[in-house]
Amino acid sequence: MAVKPEGTPCWADAMFSDVEGAKSFYGEVLGWTFGDASSEYGNYTQAYSDGKAVAAVVPPMPGQEGQSAWCLYLASPDAAATAAKIRENGGELLMEPMQVGEFGTMCLARDPSGAVFGVWQGGTHEGFEAGPEQPGAYCWAEVFTRDTEKTDTFFPAVFGYSAKQMQDDNVDFRMFNLGDDTVLGRMRMTDEFPPEIPSYVNVYFSVGNCDDAVATATKLGAVLRFGPMDSPFGRFAALSDPQGANFSVIDTTTTAGELPKSVDVG
């Protein structure tokens, strides 16, 4: 597998106080199966879709108990160099670059608007093994932020993204590109978001049928936050799982409407 360009989303994981509960929930909703917990690495447990690695769940380390949340990792050829760029551009390092055995090197950071994300320099573990079209696999992510100016400056400075602004009077939405590939979105948080919700990265997982996935999730205790809604990109919905972690599901085979126009902004 070729090394992913710097800034490409390459992995996602989440801490859960009830890991078995999380495994049961996501196994039902996304069809995931799970490998053995790695006691050497804090009982880190990989999730698989059709035998291909798509994400991981892990119990919190002592002192890190709190709100469960999904963390998106962006690829880097040199985690230490990326960490330096994060600092130089107003970001905050929550965890310094740390080697994880032969698997790779990681760090955790917060952008100037408060959104937490990870950086992954792959070793033997290069990241997602399944493509976005496979049900249960990572498909897309968006940075939800109240301070778009800081976010729009930070990510291109650190990861070399170019940007396109969607021409839509109803939403303030920007797309970050690497070459011709759109790799990440940025959405302005409106007043509909309670003020106590900080900026965050929302991760989308592919499903074969959005409505069925929502029905299963809510039956298992998830809260439906938005949708299901048709869009030119697919039918999607936003949820909070039973432990409070936000995520979205999308069926990219069910689309409606024309793709919105966008304009280059950098």
Protein backbone atom coordinates (compact mmCIF):
# COMPACT_ATOMS: atom_id res chain seq x y z
CA MET A 1 0.00 0.00 0.00
CA ALA A 2 1.39 3.39 -1.01
CA VAL A 3 2.12 5.90 1.75
CA LYS A 4 -0.78 8.33 1.98
CA PRO A 5 -0.08 12.01 1.23
CA GLU A 6 0.39 14.21 4.31
CA GLY A 7 -2.99 15.38 5.59
CA THR A 8 -4.99 12.43 4.24
CA PRO A 9 -7.44 10.98 6.79
CA CYS A 10 -5.96 7.56 7.55
CA TRP A 11 -7.43 6.21 10.80
CA ALA A 12 -10.12 6.70 13.45
CA ASP A 13 -10.48 5.47 16.99
CA ALA A 14 -12.45 6.26 20.14
CA MET A 15 -12.14 5.78 23.89
CA PHE A 16 -15.10 4.16 25.62
CA SER A 17 -15.53 3.49 29.34
CA ASP A 18 -17.72 0.55 28.28
CA VAL A 19 -15.73 -1.04 25.47
CA GLU A 20 -17.92 -4.13 25.32
CA GLY A 21 -20.97 -1.91 25.00
CA ALA A 22 -19.31 0.01 22.17
CA LYS A 23 -18.38 -3.23 20.39
CA SER A 24 -21.95 -4.47 20.67
CA PHE A 25 -23.41 -1.17 19.41
CA TYR A 26 -21.11 -0.65 16.42
CA GLY A 27 -21.21 -4.34 15.60
CA GLU A 28 -24.99 -4.06 15.22
CA VAL A 29 -25.09 -0.68 13.48
CA LEU A 30 -22.06 -0.93 11.17
CA GLY A 31 -21.53 -4.69 10.98
CA TRP A 32 -18.10 -4.52 12.60
CA THR A 33 -16.25 -7.50 13.98
CA PHE A 34 -13.41 -7.07 16.45
CA GLY A 35 -9.93 -8.44 16.97
CA ASP A 36 -8.37 -9.34 20.29
CA ALA A 37 -7.61 -6.55 22.76
CA SER A 38 -3.90 -5.70 22.77
CA SER A 39 -2.98 -5.57 26.46
CA GLU A 40 0.48 -4.24 25.57
CA TYR A 41 -1.19 -1.13 24.10
CA GLY A 42 -3.90 -0.37 26.65
CA ASN A 43 -6.36 -3.01 25.36
CA TYR A 44 -6.55 -1.30 21.98
CA THR A 45 -9.05 -3.30 19.92
CA GLN A 46 -9.31 -3.08 16.13
CA ALA A 47 -12.62 -3.15 14.30
CA TYR A 48 -13.03 -4.83 10.93
CA SER A 49 -15.49 -4.65 8.07
CA ASP A 50 -15.43 -7.75 5.90
CA GLY A 51 -12.04 -8.61 7.37
CA LYS A 52 -10.47 -5.20 6.66
CA ALA A 53 -9.38 -2.85 9.46
CA VAL A 54 -11.61 0.24 9.64
CA ALA A 55 -11.28 1.72 13.17
CA ALA A 56 -10.47 0.87 16.77
CA VAL A 57 -11.94 1.18 20.26
CA VAL A 58 -10.01 1.44 23.50
CA PRO A 59 -10.78 1.97 27.22
CA PRO A 60 -9.65 5.32 28.65
CA MET A 61 -6.30 5.50 30.37
CA PRO A 62 -6.42 6.39 34.08
CA GLY A 63 -7.19 10.08 34.42
CA GLN A 64 -8.59 10.35 30.88
CA GLU A 65 -12.12 9.26 31.69
CA GLY A 66 -14.71 11.59 30.23
CA GLN A 67 -16.88 12.15 27.22
CA SER A 68 -16.42 9.49 24.55
CA ALA A 69 -15.46 10.94 21.16
CA TRP A 70 -14.20 9.74 17.82
CA CYS A 71 -10.71 10.91 16.85
CA LEU A 72 -9.66 11.24 13.20
CA TYR A 73 -5.98 10.79 12.37
CA LEU A 74 -4.29 12.59 9.48
CA ALA A 75 -1.34 10.96 7.74
CA SER A 76 2.17 12.31 8.12
CA PRO A 77 5.54 11.14 6.78
CA ASP A 78 7.18 12.66 9.87
CA ALA A 79 5.02 13.09 12.97
CA ALA A 80 7.63 15.20 14.76
CA ALA A 81 7.84 17.65 11.86
CA THR A 82 4.04 17.84 11.65
CA ALA A 83 3.87 18.43 15.42
CA ALA A 84 6.28 21.35 15.02
CA LYS A 85 4.07 22.85 12.27
CA ILE A 86 1.01 22.43 14.51
CA ARG A 87 2.72 24.48 17.23
CA GLU A 88 4.03 27.08 14.80
CA ASN A 89 0.52 27.71 13.46
CA GLY A 90 -1.29 28.18 16.77
CA GLY A 91 -2.33 24.60 17.48
CA GLU A 92 -1.82 22.77 20.76
CA LEU A 93 -0.21 19.37 21.24
CA LEU A 94 -2.21 17.22 23.67
CA MET A 95 0.19 14.29 23.25
CA GLU A 96 3.73 14.60 21.95
CA PRO A 97 4.77 12.25 19.13
CA MET A 98 4.94 8.75 20.59
CA GLN A 99 6.10 5.59 18.88
CA VAL A 100 3.61 2.72 19.11
CA GLY A 101 5.88 -0.27 18.71
CA GLU A 102 6.43 -1.16 15.06
CA PHE A 103 2.93 0.05 14.15
CA GLY A 104 3.82 3.72 13.74
CA THR A 105 4.09 7.06 15.54
CA MET A 106 1.17 9.14 16.76
CA CYS A 107 0.43 12.47 18.34
CA LEU A 108 -2.77 14.21 19.40
CA ALA A 109 -3.46 17.88 18.78
CA ARG A 110 -6.09 20.60 19.02
CA ASP A 111 -6.57 23.20 16.29
CA PRO A 112 -6.82 26.89 17.32
CA SER A 113 -10.63 26.66 17.31
CA GLY A 114 -10.64 23.70 19.73
CA ALA A 115 -11.14 20.69 17.42
CA VAL A 116 -9.12 17.63 18.50
CA PHE A 117 -7.47 15.40 15.89
CA GLY A 118 -4.61 12.95 15.63
CA VAL A 119 -1.53 12.59 13.44
CA TRP A 120 -0.33 9.15 12.33
CA GLN A 121 3.02 8.27 10.80
CA GLY A 122 2.44 4.75 9.59
CA GLY A 123 4.82 1.87 10.20
CA THR A 124 3.45 -1.63 9.80
CA HIS A 125 -0.02 -0.17 10.43
CA GLU A 126 -0.71 2.17 7.51
CA GLY A 127 -4.32 2.93 8.41
CA PHE A 128 -7.68 2.15 6.86
CA GLU A 129 -7.71 -1.08 4.84
CA ALA A 130 -11.23 -0.62 3.39
CA GLY A 131 -12.30 2.00 0.87
CA PRO A 132 -15.08 4.54 1.59
CA GLU A 133 -17.60 2.69 -0.57
CA GLN A 134 -17.53 -0.40 1.67
CA PRO A 135 -20.34 -0.52 4.28
CA GLY A 136 -18.85 -0.08 7.74
CA ALA A 137 -15.78 1.77 6.49
CA TYR A 138 -14.72 5.37 7.12
CA CYS A 139 -16.14 7.57 4.36
CA TRP A 140 -15.71 11.27 5.19
CA ALA A 141 -15.08 13.82 7.96
CA GLU A 142 -15.81 17.46 8.67
CA VAL A 143 -14.35 19.90 11.16
CA PHE A 144 -17.28 21.60 12.93
CA THR A 145 -16.04 24.96 14.22
CA ARG A 146 -17.33 28.30 15.44
CA ASP A 147 -14.09 30.08 14.53
CA THR A 148 -13.83 29.35 10.81
CA GLU A 149 -11.10 31.91 10.23
CA LYS A 150 -8.69 30.12 12.57
CA THR A 151 -9.54 26.67 11.20
CA ASP A 152 -9.33 27.84 7.58
CA THR A 153 -5.86 29.25 8.18
CA PHE A 154 -4.52 26.42 10.34
CA PHE A 155 -5.17 23.26 8.33
CA PRO A 156 -3.80 24.50 4.97
CA ALA A 157 -0.72 25.89 6.77
CA VAL A 158 0.01 22.57 8.50
CA PHE A 159 -1.02 20.07 5.81
CA GLY A 160 -0.68 22.02 2.57
CA TYR A 161 -4.36 21.86 1.65
CA SER A 162 -5.88 24.00 -1.06
CA ALA A 163 -9.47 25.07 -0.37
CA LYS A 164 -12.79 25.54 -2.11
CA GLN A 165 -15.73 27.41 -0.60
CA MET A 166 -19.18 26.04 -1.33
CA GLN A 167 -21.47 28.67 -2.87
CA ASP A 168 -24.53 28.17 -0.70
CA ASP A 169 -26.29 30.94 1.22
CA ASN A 170 -27.66 28.43 3.75
CA VAL A 171 -24.40 26.93 5.01
CA ASP A 172 -20.80 28.07 5.44
CA PHE A 173 -18.96 25.02 4.14
CA ARG A 174 -15.39 24.68 2.89
CA MET A 175 -13.58 21.71 1.33
CA PHE A 176 -9.88 21.01 1.81
CA ASN A 177 -8.08 19.35 -1.10
CA LEU A 178 -4.81 17.54 -1.65
CA GLY A 179 -4.18 17.85 -5.36
CA ASP A 180 -7.44 16.88 -7.06
CA ASP A 181 -8.72 14.90 -4.05
CA THR A 182 -11.12 16.46 -1.55
CA VAL A 183 -10.04 14.98 1.79
CA LEU A 184 -11.78 16.98 4.54
CA GLY A 185 -14.68 19.37 5.06
CA ARG A 186 -15.15 22.37 7.32
CA MET A 187 -18.59 23.41 8.57
CA ARG A 188 -19.39 26.56 10.55
CA MET A 189 -21.29 25.71 13.75
CA THR A 190 -24.51 27.72 13.95
CA ASP A 191 -26.51 28.81 16.98
CA GLU A 192 -28.38 25.50 16.71
CA PHE A 193 -25.39 23.90 18.46
CA PRO A 194 -25.53 24.31 22.27
CA PRO A 195 -22.73 26.65 23.39
CA GLU A 196 -21.20 23.96 25.61
CA ILE A 197 -20.39 21.80 22.56
CA PRO A 198 -16.81 22.61 21.50
CA SER A 199 -15.44 22.47 17.98
CA TYR A 200 -14.98 18.85 16.92
CA VAL A 201 -14.28 16.55 13.98
CA ASN A 202 -17.34 14.61 12.83
CA VAL A 203 -16.58 11.22 11.28
CA TYR A 204 -18.86 9.54 8.72
CA PHE A 205 -19.11 5.77 8.23
CA SER A 206 -20.63 4.17 5.12
CA VAL A 207 -23.80 2.11 5.43
CA GLY A 208 -25.85 0.17 2.92
CA ASN A 209 -29.09 1.85 4.02
CA CYS A 210 -29.13 5.05 6.08
CA ASP A 211 -32.65 4.64 7.45
CA ASP A 212 -32.03 1.07 8.56
CA ALA A 213 -28.79 2.09 10.29
CA VAL A 214 -30.57 4.94 12.11
CA ALA A 215 -33.39 2.63 13.18
CA THR A 216 -30.92 0.10 14.58
CA ALA A 217 -28.83 2.78 16.31
CA THR A 218 -31.76 4.49 18.01
CA LYS A 219 -33.20 1.14 19.08
CA LEU A 220 -29.87 0.49 20.81
CA GLY A 221 -29.91 3.83 22.65
CA ALA A 222 -28.34 6.29 20.21
CA VAL A 223 -29.75 9.81 19.87
CA LEU A 224 -30.63 11.05 16.38
CA ARG A 225 -29.22 14.57 15.99
CA PHE A 226 -30.00 15.29 12.35
CA GLY A 227 -31.60 13.55 9.37
CA PRO A 228 -31.88 11.20 7.66
CA MET A 229 -31.52 13.66 4.80
CA ASP A 230 -30.90 13.31 1.08
CA SER A 231 -28.00 15.19 -0.49
CA PRO A 232 -25.97 15.12 -3.72
CA PHE A 233 -23.30 13.19 -1.77
CA GLY A 234 -25.64 10.57 -0.28
CA ARG A 235 -28.40 10.03 2.26
CA PHE A 236 -26.97 10.74 5.72
CA ALA A 237 -27.78 11.22 9.39
CA ALA A 238 -25.93 12.46 12.47
CA LEU A 239 -26.10 10.49 15.71
CA SER A 240 -24.70 10.33 19.22
CA ASP A 241 -23.97 6.78 20.34
CA PRO A 242 -25.17 5.52 23.77
CA GLN A 243 -21.90 6.72 25.37
CA GLY A 244 -22.16 10.20 23.82
CA ALA A 245 -19.71 9.92 20.91
CA ASN A 246 -20.91 11.82 17.84
CA PHE A 247 -20.71 10.19 14.42
CA SER A 248 -22.60 10.14 11.13
CA VAL A 249 -23.73 7.44 8.73
CA ILE A 250 -24.06 7.88 4.97
CA ASP A 251 -25.35 5.79 2.09
CA THR A 252 -23.41 7.16 -0.87
CA THR A 253 -25.42 5.07 -3.36
CA THR A 254 -28.59 7.09 -2.64
CA THR A 255 -28.06 10.63 -3.92
CA ALA A 256 -30.40 13.49 -4.75
CA GLY A 257 -29.94 16.95 -6.26
CA GLU A 258 -27.08 18.57 -8.12
CA LEU A 259 -23.60 18.97 -6.69
CA PRO A 260 -23.20 22.50 -5.32
CA LYS A 261 -20.90 24.94 -7.06
CA SER A 262 -17.72 25.95 -5.28
CA VAL A 263 -15.03 28.57 -5.74
CA ASP A 264 -11.27 28.34 -5.12
CA VAL A 265 -10.26 30.33 -2.04
CA GLY A 266 -6.65 29.30 -1.59
